[in-house]
Every structure is written in structure tokens, then in C-alpha cells.
Amino acid sequence: MSGRAGRWMTMMLLAMLLSLQACARSVPEVRHVAVNARFNLLIASDASGFKDAVRGRVFDHYTPSGNVEVVNIGSLKTRKAEDFDAVLIIDTCLGWSRFNPSMKAFLDGAQDPDRVVLFMTVDDTEWDFTYQGVDAITAASTIEDEARVAAVLIQKIDQILQARMP
């Protein structure tokens, strides 16, 4: 193997190891039950400082009036979209790995994908992503943008809840 190919292979292996280490950090699973809850919201996410901050803002916004369950994204395989009024999925899209297989299985099984909001952190914020009829909101993981991103996600979730509430 040439020196250039060896360096490339080493860089790829290092990137894979760093990615696996990031994925190993899991989201603390929480279930908040509100008195007289008006809706049930599922938030499934992987973890990072940025995603944790965005997820926390969304959680805090909805807990006064609804039941909110937060799960690690790998737990999606045990959930059904139809069991919730709205679902927020927060994932990372890496060019070479696409997205989490649990998310793919969840979206493949969703009978009503209109209740799902998909947020993907990406390097290329101009990239548009759609899967199973769900258009993803994309943004870079920039801490300065956490309030703006959370506001966009809350607006999308509010639209879903308003359409589903009598």
C-alpha cells in the first residue's frame, strides 16, 4: 500500500472510531407525564452538546401541557408513530453512513408520516433530505443556532399538534 493510500486508510479508520465514540454517548431516557395532558410527544435523539441543548429546549416547551417521552434514537425500533400525536427525531447524517437504521425502520413502518418532524445535523446545510414523505430540517451543529433551530422545530411540532387536536 502506498504512503498516500495508507494515510487515507488511517484517516478513515480514525474518522470511523470517532464517529462510533460519538454514537456511544446515549440520551438519558425520560418520560414526563402532565396532568390533563393535551397530547403525547415522542422525542428520539442521538447525543451531542448541540442536540442535547436543542432537545432540552423542545422538552421544556412542551412539558407544561403534554406527555413527553425522550428516548435514545436506537429505541425507535420499539416504538410506533401512531402511538403519539407528534414525533421529533433528531439524528446526524454523515455522508458515508446516511442515517440511523432504527430511524429508517421507524419511518418505514409509520402509517402516518405527517406526524413526524425530522431534524438532521449535517455538514452541508444546503442539502435537502426527504425520506418516506418526511422532509428533514437540516442545520449544522452550531451552539449559537440552538435557539433558532429549537424555535423552527417547535413551530413544526405545533403545526402537527394543531392539525390533530379537535
Protein backbone atom coordinates (compact mmCIF):
# COMPACT_ATOMS: atom_id res chain seq x y z
CA MET A 1 0.00 0.00 0.00
CA SER A 2 1.43 3.38 -0.97
CA GLY A 3 2.08 6.05 1.64
CA ARG A 4 -0.83 8.15 0.38
CA ALA A 5 -3.27 5.22 0.45
CA GLY A 6 -2.04 4.25 3.92
CA ARG A 7 -2.60 7.77 5.25
CA TRP A 8 -6.07 7.82 3.68
CA MET A 9 -6.93 4.46 5.25
CA THR A 10 -5.63 5.63 8.64
CA MET A 11 -7.71 8.82 8.42
CA MET A 12 -10.83 6.82 7.51
CA LEU A 13 -10.34 4.43 10.41
CA LEU A 14 -9.81 7.35 12.79
CA ALA A 15 -12.98 9.03 11.50
CA MET A 16 -14.94 5.80 11.98
CA LEU A 17 -13.64 5.38 15.54
CA LEU A 18 -14.51 8.98 16.42
CA SER A 19 -17.97 8.50 14.93
CA LEU A 20 -18.53 5.32 16.93
CA GLN A 21 -17.37 7.06 20.09
CA ALA A 22 -19.86 9.89 19.48
CA CYS A 23 -22.64 7.36 18.87
CA ALA A 24 -21.79 5.53 22.09
CA ARG A 25 -22.97 8.50 24.13
CA SER A 26 -26.63 7.85 24.71
CA VAL A 27 -29.52 10.11 25.54
CA PRO A 28 -30.98 9.79 29.04
CA GLU A 29 -34.47 8.38 28.56
CA VAL A 30 -37.18 10.35 30.34
CA ARG A 31 -40.98 10.19 30.44
CA HIS A 32 -42.77 13.32 31.62
CA VAL A 33 -46.47 12.89 32.37
CA ALA A 34 -48.53 16.09 32.54
CA VAL A 35 -51.77 16.46 34.46
CA ASN A 36 -54.59 16.80 31.89
CA ALA A 37 -52.16 16.27 29.03
CA ARG A 38 -53.44 17.51 25.69
CA PHE A 39 -51.03 15.43 23.57
CA ASN A 40 -48.31 12.78 23.54
CA LEU A 41 -44.94 13.75 22.04
CA LEU A 42 -42.03 11.41 21.39
CA ILE A 43 -38.53 12.84 21.03
CA ALA A 44 -35.94 10.35 19.77
CA SER A 45 -32.40 11.60 19.51
CA ASP A 46 -28.75 10.81 19.42
CA ALA A 47 -26.46 12.85 21.66
CA SER A 48 -24.13 15.80 21.27
CA GLY A 49 -23.81 19.11 23.05
CA PHE A 50 -25.82 20.85 20.34
CA LYS A 51 -28.53 18.18 20.09
CA ASP A 52 -28.81 18.00 23.89
CA ALA A 53 -29.39 21.77 24.05
CA VAL A 54 -31.98 21.76 21.24
CA ARG A 55 -33.74 18.70 22.69
CA GLY A 56 -33.82 20.35 26.13
CA ARG A 57 -35.46 23.49 24.76
CA VAL A 58 -38.14 21.46 22.94
CA PHE A 59 -38.74 19.28 26.02
CA ASP A 60 -39.10 22.30 28.29
CA HIS A 61 -41.51 23.96 25.86
CA TYR A 62 -43.94 21.02 25.76
CA THR A 63 -43.86 19.55 29.27
CA PRO A 64 -46.33 22.04 30.80
CA SER A 65 -49.17 20.84 28.55
CA GLY A 66 -48.33 17.37 27.28
CA ASN A 67 -46.83 13.97 27.90
CA VAL A 68 -43.30 14.00 26.54
CA GLU A 69 -41.12 10.92 26.20
CA VAL A 70 -37.43 11.23 25.34
CA VAL A 71 -35.63 8.14 24.07
CA ASN A 72 -32.28 7.29 22.57
CA ILE A 73 -32.66 7.04 18.80
CA GLY A 74 -31.88 3.32 18.91
CA SER A 75 -35.12 2.82 20.88
CA LEU A 76 -37.22 3.86 17.88
CA LYS A 77 -37.36 0.23 16.78
CA THR A 78 -39.65 -0.46 19.76
CA ARG A 79 -41.98 2.49 19.09
CA LYS A 80 -44.77 3.25 16.60
CA ALA A 81 -45.51 6.71 15.25
CA GLU A 82 -49.24 6.07 15.62
CA ASP A 83 -48.88 5.85 19.42
CA PHE A 84 -48.01 9.57 19.56
CA ASP A 85 -49.63 12.78 18.37
CA ALA A 86 -46.25 14.07 17.19
CA VAL A 87 -42.74 12.65 16.90
CA LEU A 88 -39.46 14.56 16.73
CA ILE A 89 -36.43 12.65 15.52
CA ILE A 90 -33.01 14.26 15.93
CA ASP A 91 -30.22 12.48 14.09
CA THR A 92 -26.89 13.04 12.39
CA CYS A 93 -26.40 12.47 8.71
CA LEU A 94 -22.88 11.64 7.73
CA GLY A 95 -22.25 11.43 4.01
CA TRP A 96 -20.78 7.96 4.14
CA SER A 97 -23.20 6.40 6.62
CA ARG A 98 -26.53 8.13 5.83
CA PHE A 99 -28.65 7.73 8.97
CA ASN A 100 -29.51 5.51 11.87
CA PRO A 101 -31.09 2.15 10.89
CA SER A 102 -33.57 2.42 13.79
CA MET A 103 -34.83 5.69 12.36
CA LYS A 104 -35.14 4.13 8.92
CA ALA A 105 -37.15 1.19 10.31
CA PHE A 106 -39.38 3.56 12.30
CA LEU A 107 -40.12 5.71 9.25
CA ASP A 108 -40.64 2.64 7.05
CA GLY A 109 -43.31 1.42 9.49
CA ALA A 110 -45.01 4.79 10.05
CA GLN A 111 -48.55 4.67 8.69
CA ASP A 112 -48.90 8.43 9.17
CA PRO A 113 -45.55 10.11 8.48
CA ASP A 114 -47.25 13.54 8.65
CA ARG A 115 -46.89 13.43 12.43
CA VAL A 116 -43.09 13.17 12.22
CA VAL A 117 -40.59 16.04 12.33
CA LEU A 118 -37.10 15.00 11.28
CA PHE A 119 -34.10 17.13 12.22
CA MET A 120 -30.70 16.17 10.82
CA THR A 121 -27.41 17.78 11.75
CA VAL A 122 -25.31 17.96 8.60
CA ASP A 123 -22.12 19.50 7.31
CA ASP A 124 -23.77 20.86 4.15
CA THR A 125 -26.74 22.96 5.30
CA GLU A 126 -27.87 23.40 1.67
CA TRP A 127 -28.52 19.66 1.46
CA ASP A 128 -32.19 18.69 1.23
CA PHE A 129 -33.26 15.32 2.57
CA THR A 130 -36.61 13.55 2.28
CA TYR A 131 -37.42 10.01 3.37
CA GLN A 132 -40.81 8.26 3.31
CA GLY A 133 -42.53 11.58 2.70
CA VAL A 134 -40.86 13.32 5.65
CA ASP A 135 -38.84 16.40 4.73
CA ALA A 136 -35.90 16.89 7.05
CA ILE A 137 -34.95 20.16 8.62
CA THR A 138 -31.17 20.41 8.40
CA ALA A 139 -28.63 22.54 10.24
CA ALA A 140 -25.02 22.46 11.26
CA SER A 141 -24.25 21.71 14.92
CA THR A 142 -23.54 25.30 15.91
CA ILE A 143 -24.30 26.12 19.54
CA GLU A 144 -25.10 29.72 18.58
CA ASP A 145 -28.01 28.39 16.46
CA GLU A 146 -29.64 26.22 19.15
CA ALA A 147 -32.42 28.71 19.98
CA ARG A 148 -33.23 29.30 16.30
CA VAL A 149 -33.27 25.57 15.48
CA ALA A 150 -35.42 24.77 18.54
CA ALA A 151 -37.89 27.51 17.50
CA VAL A 152 -38.18 26.01 13.99
CA LEU A 153 -38.76 22.53 15.42
CA ILE A 154 -41.35 23.82 17.90
CA GLN A 155 -43.17 25.60 15.09
CA LYS A 156 -43.31 22.36 13.04
CA ILE A 157 -44.49 20.32 16.02
CA ASP A 158 -47.12 22.97 16.83
CA GLN A 159 -48.46 22.67 13.25
CA ILE A 160 -48.80 18.90 13.65
CA LEU A 161 -50.48 19.18 17.05
CA GLN A 162 -52.90 21.87 15.86
CA ALA A 163 -53.93 19.71 12.90
CA ARG A 164 -54.54 16.73 15.19
CA MET A 165 -56.33 18.48 18.05
CA PRO A 166 -60.11 18.99 17.96
